[in-house]
Structures are given as C-alpha cells and as structure tokens.
Amino acid sequence: MRFDRNARGEWMVDPDELARKLGITAQLLKTETVLGLVRTHIVMGRGADKGLSRVRVRCRESIWQGVFDGAGCLINECRLSPDSLPEDPVH
C-alpha cells in the first residue's frame, strides 16, 4: 500500500485497498465517507520518528493504522477495534 500526494500536496490512497485494510467493502467505505462517518488522523513523526507519518482511518466497524515513510511506502500496520480507542476529538 502507498500513500501518494496529489498536485495540491494532499495524501491520496486507493479506496479499494483501504477498504480491504479496514475489512469492509469499497461500497461501504464510500457510503460511510459520504455520510461523514470516516475519520482520518495523520501525525507526522518527530525526533527519532522524523520522516515517518502515522495514519489512522476510523469507520464504524474498524480502525486501520499504518506507518509510512517519507516516500509514502507502508512500513508497518495494524487493524484495531473501534472500542480500543477513545473517540477522535473534534477540532
């Protein structure tokens, strides 16, 4: 899996591949995205983790988290239960 940047510098990912990582269908991912039920949180690494990014994608049924290097290549990942983390804060 890769994250790439578009012309505006925004992260892009293949939705079919992301749906598989979340353990849901691409159609369900699309539906939940339209309904505003998919949340994405990106944290840029600091110190020893500089150059890495942790990406967390949360939908109703699961959470997927991946760590990407500066080129956008996935280097580590896991799937979590929605009950394992507190709700993402609203900013």
N, C-alpha and C. Protein backbone atom coordinates (compact mmCIF):
# COMPACT_ATOMS: atom_id res chain seq x y z
N MET A 1 0.85 -1.17 0.00
CA MET A 1 0.00 0.00 0.00
C MET A 1 0.89 1.23 0.00
N ARG A 2 0.45 2.24 -0.73
CA ARG A 2 1.18 3.50 -0.80
C ARG A 2 0.22 4.66 -0.57
N PHE A 3 0.75 5.70 -0.01
CA PHE A 3 0.06 6.99 0.02
C PHE A 3 0.84 7.88 -0.93
N ASP A 4 0.15 8.53 -1.83
CA ASP A 4 0.78 9.47 -2.76
C ASP A 4 0.15 10.84 -2.52
N ARG A 5 0.83 11.85 -2.99
CA ARG A 5 0.31 13.21 -2.87
C ARG A 5 -0.20 13.69 -4.23
N ASN A 6 -1.32 14.41 -4.21
CA ASN A 6 -1.84 14.98 -5.45
C ASN A 6 -1.15 16.33 -5.71
N ALA A 7 -1.58 17.06 -6.72
CA ALA A 7 -0.96 18.32 -7.10
C ALA A 7 -1.04 19.37 -5.99
N ARG A 8 -2.04 19.27 -5.11
CA ARG A 8 -2.19 20.21 -4.00
C ARG A 8 -1.44 19.76 -2.75
N GLY A 9 -0.74 18.61 -2.83
CA GLY A 9 0.01 18.12 -1.67
C GLY A 9 -0.81 17.31 -0.70
N GLU A 10 -2.05 16.99 -1.06
CA GLU A 10 -2.92 16.20 -0.19
C GLU A 10 -2.62 14.71 -0.37
N TRP A 11 -2.71 13.94 0.71
CA TRP A 11 -2.47 12.50 0.65
C TRP A 11 -3.61 11.82 -0.08
N MET A 12 -3.26 10.86 -0.93
CA MET A 12 -4.24 10.09 -1.70
C MET A 12 -3.96 8.60 -1.49
N VAL A 13 -5.02 7.80 -1.47
CA VAL A 13 -4.87 6.35 -1.34
C VAL A 13 -5.94 5.66 -2.17
N ASP A 14 -5.66 4.47 -2.64
CA ASP A 14 -6.62 3.69 -3.41
C ASP A 14 -7.76 3.27 -2.47
N PRO A 15 -9.01 3.70 -2.72
CA PRO A 15 -10.11 3.38 -1.81
C PRO A 15 -10.41 1.88 -1.71
N ASP A 16 -10.21 1.13 -2.79
CA ASP A 16 -10.44 -0.31 -2.73
C ASP A 16 -9.45 -0.98 -1.79
N GLU A 17 -8.19 -0.55 -1.86
CA GLU A 17 -7.17 -1.11 -0.99
C GLU A 17 -7.41 -0.71 0.47
N LEU A 18 -7.82 0.53 0.70
CA LEU A 18 -8.12 0.97 2.06
C LEU A 18 -9.29 0.19 2.63
N ALA A 19 -10.32 -0.04 1.82
CA ALA A 19 -11.48 -0.82 2.29
C ALA A 19 -11.04 -2.22 2.73
N ARG A 20 -10.17 -2.85 1.95
CA ARG A 20 -9.67 -4.17 2.34
C ARG A 20 -8.91 -4.10 3.66
N LYS A 21 -8.12 -3.06 3.85
CA LYS A 21 -7.37 -2.91 5.11
C LYS A 21 -8.32 -2.76 6.29
N LEU A 22 -9.45 -2.10 6.07
CA LEU A 22 -10.45 -1.90 7.13
C LEU A 22 -11.34 -3.13 7.32
N GLY A 23 -11.30 -4.05 6.36
CA GLY A 23 -12.13 -5.24 6.46
C GLY A 23 -13.57 -5.00 6.06
N ILE A 24 -13.79 -3.99 5.21
CA ILE A 24 -15.14 -3.67 4.74
C ILE A 24 -15.12 -3.60 3.21
N THR A 25 -16.31 -3.50 2.61
CA THR A 25 -16.38 -3.39 1.16
C THR A 25 -16.08 -1.95 0.73
N ALA A 26 -15.65 -1.81 -0.51
CA ALA A 26 -15.40 -0.47 -1.06
C ALA A 26 -16.68 0.35 -1.07
N GLN A 27 -17.82 -0.30 -1.33
CA GLN A 27 -19.10 0.42 -1.34
C GLN A 27 -19.44 0.94 0.05
N LEU A 28 -19.20 0.13 1.09
CA LEU A 28 -19.48 0.59 2.45
C LEU A 28 -18.55 1.74 2.82
N LEU A 29 -17.28 1.68 2.42
CA LEU A 29 -16.35 2.78 2.68
C LEU A 29 -16.85 4.06 2.01
N LYS A 30 -17.29 3.94 0.76
CA LYS A 30 -17.81 5.10 0.04
C LYS A 30 -19.05 5.67 0.74
N THR A 31 -19.97 4.80 1.12
CA THR A 31 -21.19 5.24 1.80
C THR A 31 -20.87 5.95 3.11
N GLU A 32 -19.99 5.35 3.92
CA GLU A 32 -19.65 5.95 5.20
C GLU A 32 -18.88 7.27 5.01
N THR A 33 -18.10 7.36 3.94
CA THR A 33 -17.39 8.61 3.65
C THR A 33 -18.39 9.71 3.33
N VAL A 34 -19.36 9.42 2.46
CA VAL A 34 -20.38 10.39 2.08
C VAL A 34 -21.18 10.84 3.31
N LEU A 35 -21.44 9.91 4.23
CA LEU A 35 -22.21 10.23 5.44
C LEU A 35 -21.36 10.92 6.52
N GLY A 36 -20.07 11.09 6.26
CA GLY A 36 -19.20 11.75 7.22
C GLY A 36 -18.79 10.85 8.38
N LEU A 37 -18.84 9.53 8.19
CA LEU A 37 -18.54 8.58 9.27
C LEU A 37 -17.10 8.06 9.23
N VAL A 38 -16.33 8.48 8.24
CA VAL A 38 -14.93 8.05 8.15
C VAL A 38 -14.05 9.21 8.61
N ARG A 39 -13.20 8.91 9.58
CA ARG A 39 -12.29 9.93 10.10
C ARG A 39 -10.86 9.52 9.84
N THR A 40 -10.06 10.48 9.45
CA THR A 40 -8.65 10.22 9.19
C THR A 40 -7.82 11.15 10.05
N HIS A 41 -6.79 10.59 10.66
CA HIS A 41 -5.90 11.35 11.53
C HIS A 41 -4.47 11.05 11.11
N ILE A 42 -3.70 12.08 10.78
CA ILE A 42 -2.31 11.91 10.35
C ILE A 42 -1.41 12.64 11.33
N VAL A 43 -0.40 11.93 11.82
CA VAL A 43 0.57 12.51 12.75
C VAL A 43 1.96 12.37 12.12
N MET A 44 2.62 13.49 11.98
CA MET A 44 3.98 13.50 11.45
C MET A 44 4.95 13.17 12.58
N GLY A 45 5.93 12.30 12.29
CA GLY A 45 6.90 11.89 13.29
C GLY A 45 7.84 13.02 13.68
N ARG A 46 8.30 12.96 14.93
CA ARG A 46 9.28 13.92 15.45
C ARG A 46 10.42 13.15 16.09
N GLY A 47 11.52 13.80 16.27
CA GLY A 47 12.66 13.16 16.93
C GLY A 47 13.10 11.92 16.17
N ALA A 48 13.16 10.79 16.87
CA ALA A 48 13.60 9.53 16.25
C ALA A 48 12.66 9.08 15.13
N ASP A 49 11.41 9.57 15.14
CA ASP A 49 10.43 9.18 14.12
C ASP A 49 10.31 10.21 12.99
N LYS A 50 11.21 11.18 12.95
CA LYS A 50 11.15 12.20 11.91
C LYS A 50 11.22 11.53 10.54
N GLY A 51 10.38 11.99 9.63
CA GLY A 51 10.32 11.42 8.29
C GLY A 51 9.25 10.35 8.14
N LEU A 52 8.65 9.94 9.27
CA LEU A 52 7.58 8.95 9.25
C LEU A 52 6.25 9.64 9.50
N SER A 53 5.18 9.04 9.04
CA SER A 53 3.83 9.54 9.30
C SER A 53 2.96 8.38 9.77
N ARG A 54 2.21 8.60 10.85
CA ARG A 54 1.24 7.60 11.31
C ARG A 54 -0.13 8.06 10.82
N VAL A 55 -0.80 7.17 10.11
CA VAL A 55 -2.11 7.46 9.55
C VAL A 55 -3.12 6.52 10.20
N ARG A 56 -4.19 7.08 10.74
CA ARG A 56 -5.24 6.27 11.34
C ARG A 56 -6.55 6.59 10.62
N VAL A 57 -7.22 5.56 10.13
CA VAL A 57 -8.51 5.71 9.45
C VAL A 57 -9.54 4.95 10.28
N ARG A 58 -10.59 5.64 10.66
CA ARG A 58 -11.62 5.06 11.51
C ARG A 58 -12.96 5.12 10.81
N CYS A 59 -13.63 3.97 10.76
CA CYS A 59 -15.01 3.91 10.27
C CYS A 59 -15.83 3.29 11.40
N ARG A 60 -17.10 3.01 11.14
CA ARG A 60 -17.94 2.46 12.22
C ARG A 60 -17.49 1.09 12.68
N GLU A 61 -16.99 0.27 11.75
CA GLU A 61 -16.70 -1.13 12.07
C GLU A 61 -15.27 -1.42 12.48
N SER A 62 -14.33 -0.59 12.07
CA SER A 62 -12.93 -0.88 12.41
C SER A 62 -12.06 0.36 12.30
N ILE A 63 -10.83 0.19 12.75
CA ILE A 63 -9.82 1.23 12.65
C ILE A 63 -8.59 0.57 12.04
N TRP A 64 -8.02 1.24 11.06
CA TRP A 64 -6.76 0.77 10.49
C TRP A 64 -5.72 1.84 10.74
N GLN A 65 -4.52 1.40 11.12
CA GLN A 65 -3.43 2.33 11.37
C GLN A 65 -2.19 1.86 10.62
N GLY A 66 -1.56 2.77 9.93
CA GLY A 66 -0.34 2.45 9.20
C GLY A 66 0.73 3.50 9.44
N VAL A 67 1.97 3.07 9.35
CA VAL A 67 3.11 3.98 9.44
C VAL A 67 3.77 4.00 8.06
N PHE A 68 3.96 5.20 7.53
CA PHE A 68 4.51 5.39 6.20
C PHE A 68 5.83 6.15 6.28
N ASP A 69 6.74 5.79 5.37
CA ASP A 69 7.99 6.54 5.30
C ASP A 69 7.77 7.80 4.47
N GLY A 70 8.81 8.60 4.32
CA GLY A 70 8.69 9.87 3.61
C GLY A 70 8.31 9.74 2.15
N ALA A 71 8.55 8.58 1.54
CA ALA A 71 8.18 8.34 0.15
C ALA A 71 6.74 7.84 0.01
N GLY A 72 6.04 7.66 1.14
CA GLY A 72 4.66 7.20 1.10
C GLY A 72 4.51 5.69 1.12
N CYS A 73 5.59 4.95 1.39
CA CYS A 73 5.52 3.48 1.43
C CYS A 73 5.14 3.01 2.83
N LEU A 74 4.21 2.09 2.89
CA LEU A 74 3.76 1.50 4.15
C LEU A 74 4.88 0.64 4.74
N ILE A 75 5.21 0.90 6.02
CA ILE A 75 6.27 0.10 6.65
C ILE A 75 5.77 -0.69 7.86
N ASN A 76 4.59 -0.36 8.35
CA ASN A 76 4.01 -1.07 9.50
C ASN A 76 2.52 -0.79 9.52
N GLU A 77 1.72 -1.78 9.96
CA GLU A 77 0.27 -1.56 10.00
C GLU A 77 -0.39 -2.48 11.01
N CYS A 78 -1.61 -2.10 11.42
CA CYS A 78 -2.43 -2.96 12.27
C CYS A 78 -3.88 -2.53 12.12
N ARG A 79 -4.78 -3.44 12.43
CA ARG A 79 -6.21 -3.14 12.46
C ARG A 79 -6.65 -3.20 13.92
N LEU A 80 -7.45 -2.23 14.33
CA LEU A 80 -7.90 -2.11 15.71
C LEU A 80 -9.42 -2.15 15.77
N SER A 81 -9.92 -2.48 16.93
CA SER A 81 -11.36 -2.44 17.17
C SER A 81 -11.75 -0.99 17.50
N PRO A 82 -12.92 -0.54 17.04
CA PRO A 82 -13.36 0.82 17.39
C PRO A 82 -13.45 1.03 18.90
N ASP A 83 -13.63 -0.04 19.66
CA ASP A 83 -13.72 0.09 21.12
C ASP A 83 -12.36 0.25 21.78
N SER A 84 -11.27 0.04 21.03
CA SER A 84 -9.95 0.07 21.63
C SER A 84 -9.38 1.48 21.78
N LEU A 85 -9.99 2.46 21.13
CA LEU A 85 -9.52 3.84 21.21
C LEU A 85 -10.67 4.75 21.58
N PRO A 86 -10.35 5.85 22.28
CA PRO A 86 -11.41 6.83 22.55
C PRO A 86 -11.82 7.52 21.26
N GLU A 87 -12.97 8.13 21.26
CA GLU A 87 -13.44 8.89 20.09
C GLU A 87 -12.41 9.94 19.72
N ASP A 88 -12.23 10.16 18.42
CA ASP A 88 -11.33 11.22 17.97
C ASP A 88 -11.91 12.55 18.40
N PRO A 89 -11.05 13.45 18.92
CA PRO A 89 -11.56 14.76 19.32
C PRO A 89 -11.99 15.57 18.10
N VAL A 90 -12.95 16.42 18.28
CA VAL A 90 -13.41 17.30 17.22
C VAL A 90 -12.71 18.64 17.40
N HIS A 91 -12.05 19.10 16.35
CA HIS A 91 -11.33 20.37 16.43
C HIS A 91 -12.03 21.40 15.59
